[in-house]
Protein backbone atom coordinates (compact mmCIF):
# COMPACT_ATOMS: atom_id res chain seq x y z
CA MET A 1 37.45 -17.97 85.37
CA TRP A 2 35.06 -20.61 83.12
CA LEU A 3 36.67 -20.98 79.79
CA ARG A 4 34.12 -22.24 77.35
CA PRO A 5 35.63 -24.77 74.69
CA ALA A 6 35.08 -24.36 70.94
CA VAL A 7 31.67 -25.50 70.33
CA THR A 8 31.61 -28.58 67.83
CA ALA A 9 29.37 -28.60 64.89
CA PRO A 10 26.03 -29.47 66.00
CA ARG A 11 24.09 -32.35 64.34
CA ILE A 12 20.89 -31.56 62.61
CA LEU A 13 18.07 -34.10 62.54
CA ALA A 14 14.49 -33.80 61.20
CA GLY A 15 14.62 -30.11 61.41
CA VAL A 16 16.11 -29.02 64.60
CA THR A 17 19.79 -28.50 65.79
CA ARG A 18 20.99 -31.82 67.89
CA LEU A 19 23.79 -30.51 70.60
CA SER A 20 25.81 -33.25 72.07
CA PHE A 21 26.07 -33.78 75.37
CA ARG A 22 29.25 -32.04 75.83
CA ASP A 23 28.00 -28.87 73.73
CA ARG A 24 25.17 -28.72 76.14
CA LEU A 25 27.38 -29.08 79.44
CA PHE A 26 29.73 -26.65 78.53
CA THR A 27 27.33 -23.47 78.33
CA ARG A 28 27.25 -20.34 80.62
CA GLY A 29 24.11 -21.34 82.19
CA VAL A 30 25.64 -24.95 83.62
CA ALA A 31 28.87 -22.72 84.59
CA GLN A 32 27.14 -20.64 86.61
CA ALA A 33 25.21 -23.17 88.43
CA MET A 34 28.33 -25.07 89.19
CA THR A 35 29.55 -22.15 90.84
CA SER A 36 25.77 -20.67 92.23
CA PRO A 37 25.39 -20.05 95.79
CA SER A 38 22.58 -22.00 95.55
CA GLY A 39 24.65 -25.03 94.18
CA ILE A 40 26.65 -24.79 97.17
CA LEU A 41 24.25 -24.62 99.69
CA LEU A 42 22.39 -27.82 98.25
CA GLY A 43 25.99 -29.30 98.48
CA GLY A 44 25.99 -28.29 102.23
CA ALA A 45 22.52 -29.24 102.72
CA GLY A 46 23.22 -32.80 101.62
CA ALA A 47 26.04 -33.29 104.05
CA ALA A 48 24.00 -31.85 107.00
CA LEU A 49 20.87 -34.00 106.15
CA VAL A 50 23.38 -37.30 106.24
CA LEU A 51 24.79 -35.85 109.84
CA ALA A 52 21.73 -35.52 111.01
CA THR A 53 20.43 -38.62 110.36
CA GLY A 54 23.21 -40.46 112.04
CA LEU A 55 24.40 -41.81 108.85
CA PRO A 56 28.31 -42.88 108.62
CA LEU A 57 30.43 -39.36 108.11
CA VAL A 58 32.01 -40.97 104.66
CA VAL A 59 28.30 -40.55 103.10
CA ALA A 60 28.01 -37.14 103.76
CA PRO A 61 30.60 -35.82 100.80
CA ILE A 62 28.99 -38.17 98.90
CA ALA A 63 25.50 -36.73 99.29
CA ALA A 64 27.12 -33.46 99.20
CA VAL A 65 28.33 -34.29 95.28
CA ALA A 66 25.16 -35.58 94.67
CA ALA A 67 22.78 -32.69 95.70
CA TRP A 68 25.24 -30.24 94.09
CA GLY A 69 25.06 -32.38 90.80
CA ALA A 70 21.34 -32.61 90.63
CA ARG A 71 21.37 -28.62 90.60
CA VAL A 72 23.88 -28.49 87.69
CA ALA A 73 21.89 -31.22 85.79
CA VAL A 74 18.85 -29.01 86.18
CA ALA A 75 20.89 -26.29 84.31
CA ILE A 76 22.01 -28.58 81.30
CA PRO A 77 19.93 -27.42 78.56
CA ARG A 78 17.65 -29.95 76.57
CA ASN A 79 17.54 -30.52 73.11
CA ALA A 80 14.42 -29.35 71.34
CA ARG A 81 12.14 -31.97 69.96
CA SER A 82 12.04 -32.96 66.36
CA SER A 83 9.87 -30.57 63.97
CA GLY A 84 9.48 -33.50 61.45
CA ILE A 85 11.53 -31.83 58.79
CA ASP A 86 13.10 -34.27 56.61
CA PRO A 87 15.54 -33.07 53.68
CA PHE A 88 16.19 -36.49 52.75
CA SER A 89 12.58 -37.15 51.80
CA LEU A 90 12.71 -34.71 48.99
CA ALA A 91 14.79 -34.74 45.54
CA ASP A 92 17.05 -32.10 44.48
CA PRO A 93 17.09 -29.26 44.06
CA TRP A 94 14.27 -29.22 46.79
CA ARG A 95 16.50 -31.37 49.71
CA GLU A 96 19.28 -28.82 49.16
CA PHE A 97 17.02 -25.81 49.62
CA VAL A 98 15.92 -27.49 52.94
CA GLN A 99 19.31 -28.86 53.87
CA GLU A 100 20.83 -25.03 53.34
CA ALA A 101 17.92 -23.56 55.52
CA LEU A 102 18.74 -26.01 58.32
CA GLN A 103 22.39 -25.11 58.36
CA ALA A 104 21.72 -21.71 58.53
CA GLN A 105 19.25 -22.38 61.79
CA SER A 106 22.22 -24.25 63.19
CA ARG A 107 24.95 -21.45 62.69
CA TYR A 108 22.07 -18.88 64.03
CA GLN A 109 21.67 -20.94 67.16
CA ALA A 110 25.55 -21.18 67.64
CA ALA A 111 25.81 -17.68 67.31
CA VAL A 112 23.26 -17.22 70.29
CA GLY A 113 25.40 -19.67 72.31
CA THR A 114 28.29 -17.47 72.43
CA ALA A 115 26.08 -14.05 72.98
CA LEU A 116 26.46 -13.01 76.47
CA GLU A 117 23.54 -13.22 78.98
CA GLY A 118 21.28 -9.98 79.04
CA PRO A 119 18.98 -8.42 76.59
CA LEU A 120 21.12 -8.51 73.64
CA ARG A 121 20.90 -12.18 73.74
CA ASP A 122 17.07 -12.58 74.89
CA ARG A 123 16.55 -10.47 71.84
CA LEU A 124 18.63 -12.75 69.78
CA VAL A 125 16.58 -15.73 70.99
CA GLU A 126 13.30 -13.89 69.82
CA ILE A 127 14.84 -13.32 65.97
CA GLY A 128 15.72 -16.95 66.20
CA GLN A 129 11.94 -18.12 66.90
CA ARG A 130 11.50 -16.13 63.50
CA VAL A 131 14.56 -17.66 62.09
CA ASP A 132 12.77 -21.14 63.10
CA ASP A 133 9.59 -19.99 61.52
CA GLY A 134 11.69 -19.45 58.33
CA VAL A 135 13.09 -22.87 58.18
CA GLU A 136 9.67 -24.40 58.70
CA ALA A 137 8.30 -22.44 55.69
CA CYS A 138 11.34 -23.34 53.59
CA TRP A 139 10.21 -27.14 54.30
CA ARG A 140 6.87 -26.69 53.24
CA ILE A 141 7.48 -24.68 50.20
CA ALA A 142 9.86 -27.06 49.10
CA ARG A 143 7.34 -30.15 49.91
CA ARG A 144 4.84 -28.37 47.64
CA GLY A 145 7.51 -27.72 44.99
CA GLN A 146 8.29 -31.65 44.79
CA HIS A 147 4.66 -32.35 44.89
CA LEU A 148 4.21 -30.03 42.03
CA VAL A 149 6.89 -31.71 39.90
CA ASP A 150 5.84 -35.03 40.88
CA ALA A 151 2.26 -33.85 39.34
CA ARG A 152 3.88 -32.29 36.20
CA ARG A 153 5.39 -35.62 35.46
CA ASN A 154 1.73 -37.08 34.78
CA ILE A 155 0.95 -34.73 32.06
CA ASP A 156 2.57 -36.01 28.77
CA ALA A 157 3.08 -32.36 26.79
CA VAL A 158 5.14 -33.82 23.91
CA THR A 159 2.44 -36.44 23.18
CA ALA A 160 0.04 -33.89 23.60
CA ALA A 161 1.42 -31.49 21.34
CA GLN A 162 1.98 -34.34 18.62
CA GLU A 163 -1.86 -35.31 18.91
CA LEU A 164 -2.83 -31.62 18.42
CA GLU A 165 -0.28 -31.68 15.38
CA GLN A 166 -2.14 -34.53 13.81
CA VAL A 167 -5.68 -33.37 14.65
CA ASN A 168 -4.65 -30.00 13.20
CA THR A 169 -3.51 -31.55 9.82
CA HIS A 170 -6.21 -34.35 9.84
CA ALA A 171 -8.96 -31.60 10.06
CA GLY A 172 -7.32 -29.64 7.20
CA GLU A 173 -10.47 -27.30 5.53
CA ASN A 174 -12.97 -29.68 6.98
CA TRP A 175 -12.90 -28.15 10.55
CA ALA A 176 -16.57 -28.01 11.72
CA LYS A 177 -17.31 -25.99 15.25
CA GLY A 178 -18.60 -28.16 17.77
CA SER A 179 -16.83 -31.08 15.82
CA ASP A 180 -14.85 -34.32 17.62
CA LEU A 181 -12.33 -32.83 16.15
CA GLU A 182 -12.67 -29.16 17.47
CA ARG A 183 -13.10 -30.94 21.15
CA THR A 184 -10.04 -32.92 20.79
CA ALA A 185 -8.13 -30.02 20.00
CA GLU A 186 -9.49 -28.13 22.95
CA ALA A 187 -8.53 -30.68 25.28
CA LEU A 188 -5.40 -31.17 24.05
CA ARG A 189 -4.33 -27.57 24.42
CA SER A 190 -6.08 -27.39 27.73
CA GLN A 191 -3.23 -30.24 28.76
CA LEU A 192 -0.56 -28.10 27.07
CA ALA A 193 -1.54 -25.00 28.64
CA THR A 194 -1.75 -26.75 32.35
CA ALA A 195 1.86 -28.05 31.74
CA GLN A 196 3.17 -24.67 30.85
CA ARG A 197 1.47 -23.04 33.92
CA MET A 198 2.98 -25.70 35.89
CA ASP A 199 6.37 -25.43 34.38
CA GLU A 200 6.28 -21.78 34.79
CA VAL A 201 5.32 -21.97 38.75
CA ILE A 202 8.36 -24.67 39.18
CA ALA A 203 10.70 -22.28 37.86
CA ASP A 204 9.62 -19.33 39.78
CA THR A 205 9.01 -21.40 42.91
CA HIS A 206 12.74 -22.67 42.48
CA SER A 207 14.27 -19.02 41.85
CA ARG A 208 12.46 -17.42 44.62
CA LEU A 209 13.34 -20.25 47.04
CA ARG A 210 16.87 -20.01 45.95
CA LEU A 211 16.92 -16.22 46.74
CA LEU A 212 14.80 -16.60 50.14
CA ASP A 213 17.67 -19.21 51.35
CA ALA A 214 20.80 -16.81 49.93
CA ARG A 215 18.51 -14.03 52.14
CA LEU A 216 18.61 -16.08 55.14
CA ASP A 217 22.30 -16.90 55.02
CA GLU A 218 22.98 -13.26 54.83
CA SER A 219 20.84 -12.54 57.80
CA VAL A 220 22.63 -15.38 59.69
CA ALA A 221 25.89 -14.00 59.11
CA ARG A 222 24.44 -10.60 60.45
CA ALA A 223 23.74 -12.23 63.58
CA ILE A 224 26.82 -13.80 63.94
CA GLU A 225 28.90 -10.80 63.56
CA LEU A 226 26.43 -8.76 65.88
CA SER A 227 26.36 -11.43 68.51
CA VAL A 228 29.93 -10.46 69.24
CA SER A 229 29.96 -6.80 68.12
CA ALA A 230 26.78 -5.16 69.24
CA ASP A 231 26.73 -3.52 72.46
CA ASP A 232 22.83 -3.24 73.05
CA ALA A 233 19.76 -4.81 71.85
CA ALA A 234 18.55 -1.80 70.00
CA ASP A 235 21.48 -2.66 67.48
CA LEU A 236 19.52 -5.72 66.24
CA VAL A 237 16.54 -4.02 65.25
CA GLY A 238 17.54 -4.10 61.46
CA LEU A 239 18.06 -7.82 61.43
CA GLY A 240 14.69 -8.44 63.39
CA ALA A 241 13.11 -6.32 60.74
CA ASP A 242 14.82 -8.33 57.99
CA VAL A 243 14.04 -11.43 59.35
CA ASP A 244 10.48 -10.98 59.93
CA GLY A 245 10.30 -9.38 56.01
CA LEU A 246 11.72 -12.62 54.99
CA VAL A 247 9.76 -14.89 56.82
CA THR A 248 6.69 -12.90 55.83
CA GLU A 249 7.79 -13.60 52.17
CA MET A 250 8.38 -17.02 52.64
CA GLU A 251 4.84 -17.35 54.11
CA ALA A 252 3.07 -15.43 51.14
CA LEU A 253 5.12 -18.02 48.71
CA ARG A 254 3.98 -21.03 50.85
CA GLN A 255 0.29 -20.20 50.92
CA ALA A 256 0.47 -18.89 46.77
CA LEU A 257 1.79 -22.51 46.42
CA GLU A 258 -0.78 -24.34 48.43
CA GLU A 259 -3.53 -22.61 46.35
CA THR A 260 -1.69 -23.26 43.18
CA GLY A 261 -1.41 -26.95 43.65
CA THR A 262 -5.06 -26.96 44.80
CA ALA A 263 -6.06 -25.41 41.57
CA SER A 264 -3.61 -27.52 39.45
CA SER A 265 -5.24 -30.70 40.98
CA THR A 266 -8.59 -29.68 39.52
CA GLU A 267 -7.71 -27.78 36.24
CA ALA A 268 -5.81 -30.58 34.67
CA PRO A 269 -8.27 -32.45 32.17
CA GLY A 270 -7.49 -35.75 30.55
CA THR A 271 -4.09 -35.65 31.16
CA THR A 272 -1.87 -38.49 29.53
CA ALA A 273 0.19 -40.68 31.72
CA THR A 274 3.93 -40.87 30.85
CA GLY A 275 6.07 -44.41 31.17
């Protein structure tokens, strides 16, 4: 009986789970390849080829092992290519959100690896693709949040508020419609309104992304439980629906942020750069 050792914690690099060679070697697929009839036949064929070509008999077992090893090597799963996700290019809290999503992705993939082959595992793999979509969406949301924070720093709301107060005080009762003072006050109020909108968007994004990350963790916890307790792929209907809904919400948030970011870059007039 093939005993699969405990899987060590996979390394996360640039948005994908990087499994060590040991973790990829000790999988059910590789175990089946080692004991499969095709692997044994390839080994025998390698030995027979040596005998047929008149090579020394000592070469036969080497050829048999080489042929069998090639069959096993093909069955070893490869690590996926990097998707370019780099949480360390962001500042907290955005970095933390992406790291948490990547860790959830890693735990989900580990759960899939423990599930028995069959419809249940196949469905877990399908749901895992949506989990990957969610991690990608989280990364894009966090990057947009970081961009908003960086842009917001270029609006000196404190100075604008002070200048507006000075304008209002200086104008007094001599406020004239259409005057330079009135236009100055309008420009300052516009800066303050832009800063307030951006502050609200940043705070809302922070709150919603934290909630979505928590829900992703919850879904992964359910997947871990179902990977060892479910009897049929039908038991995963609820999990699949929840993950789909979660990813849809993430995509909606990402799209809204991209639209907000575009608007913010064109609506912030006469910003005052901070030092």
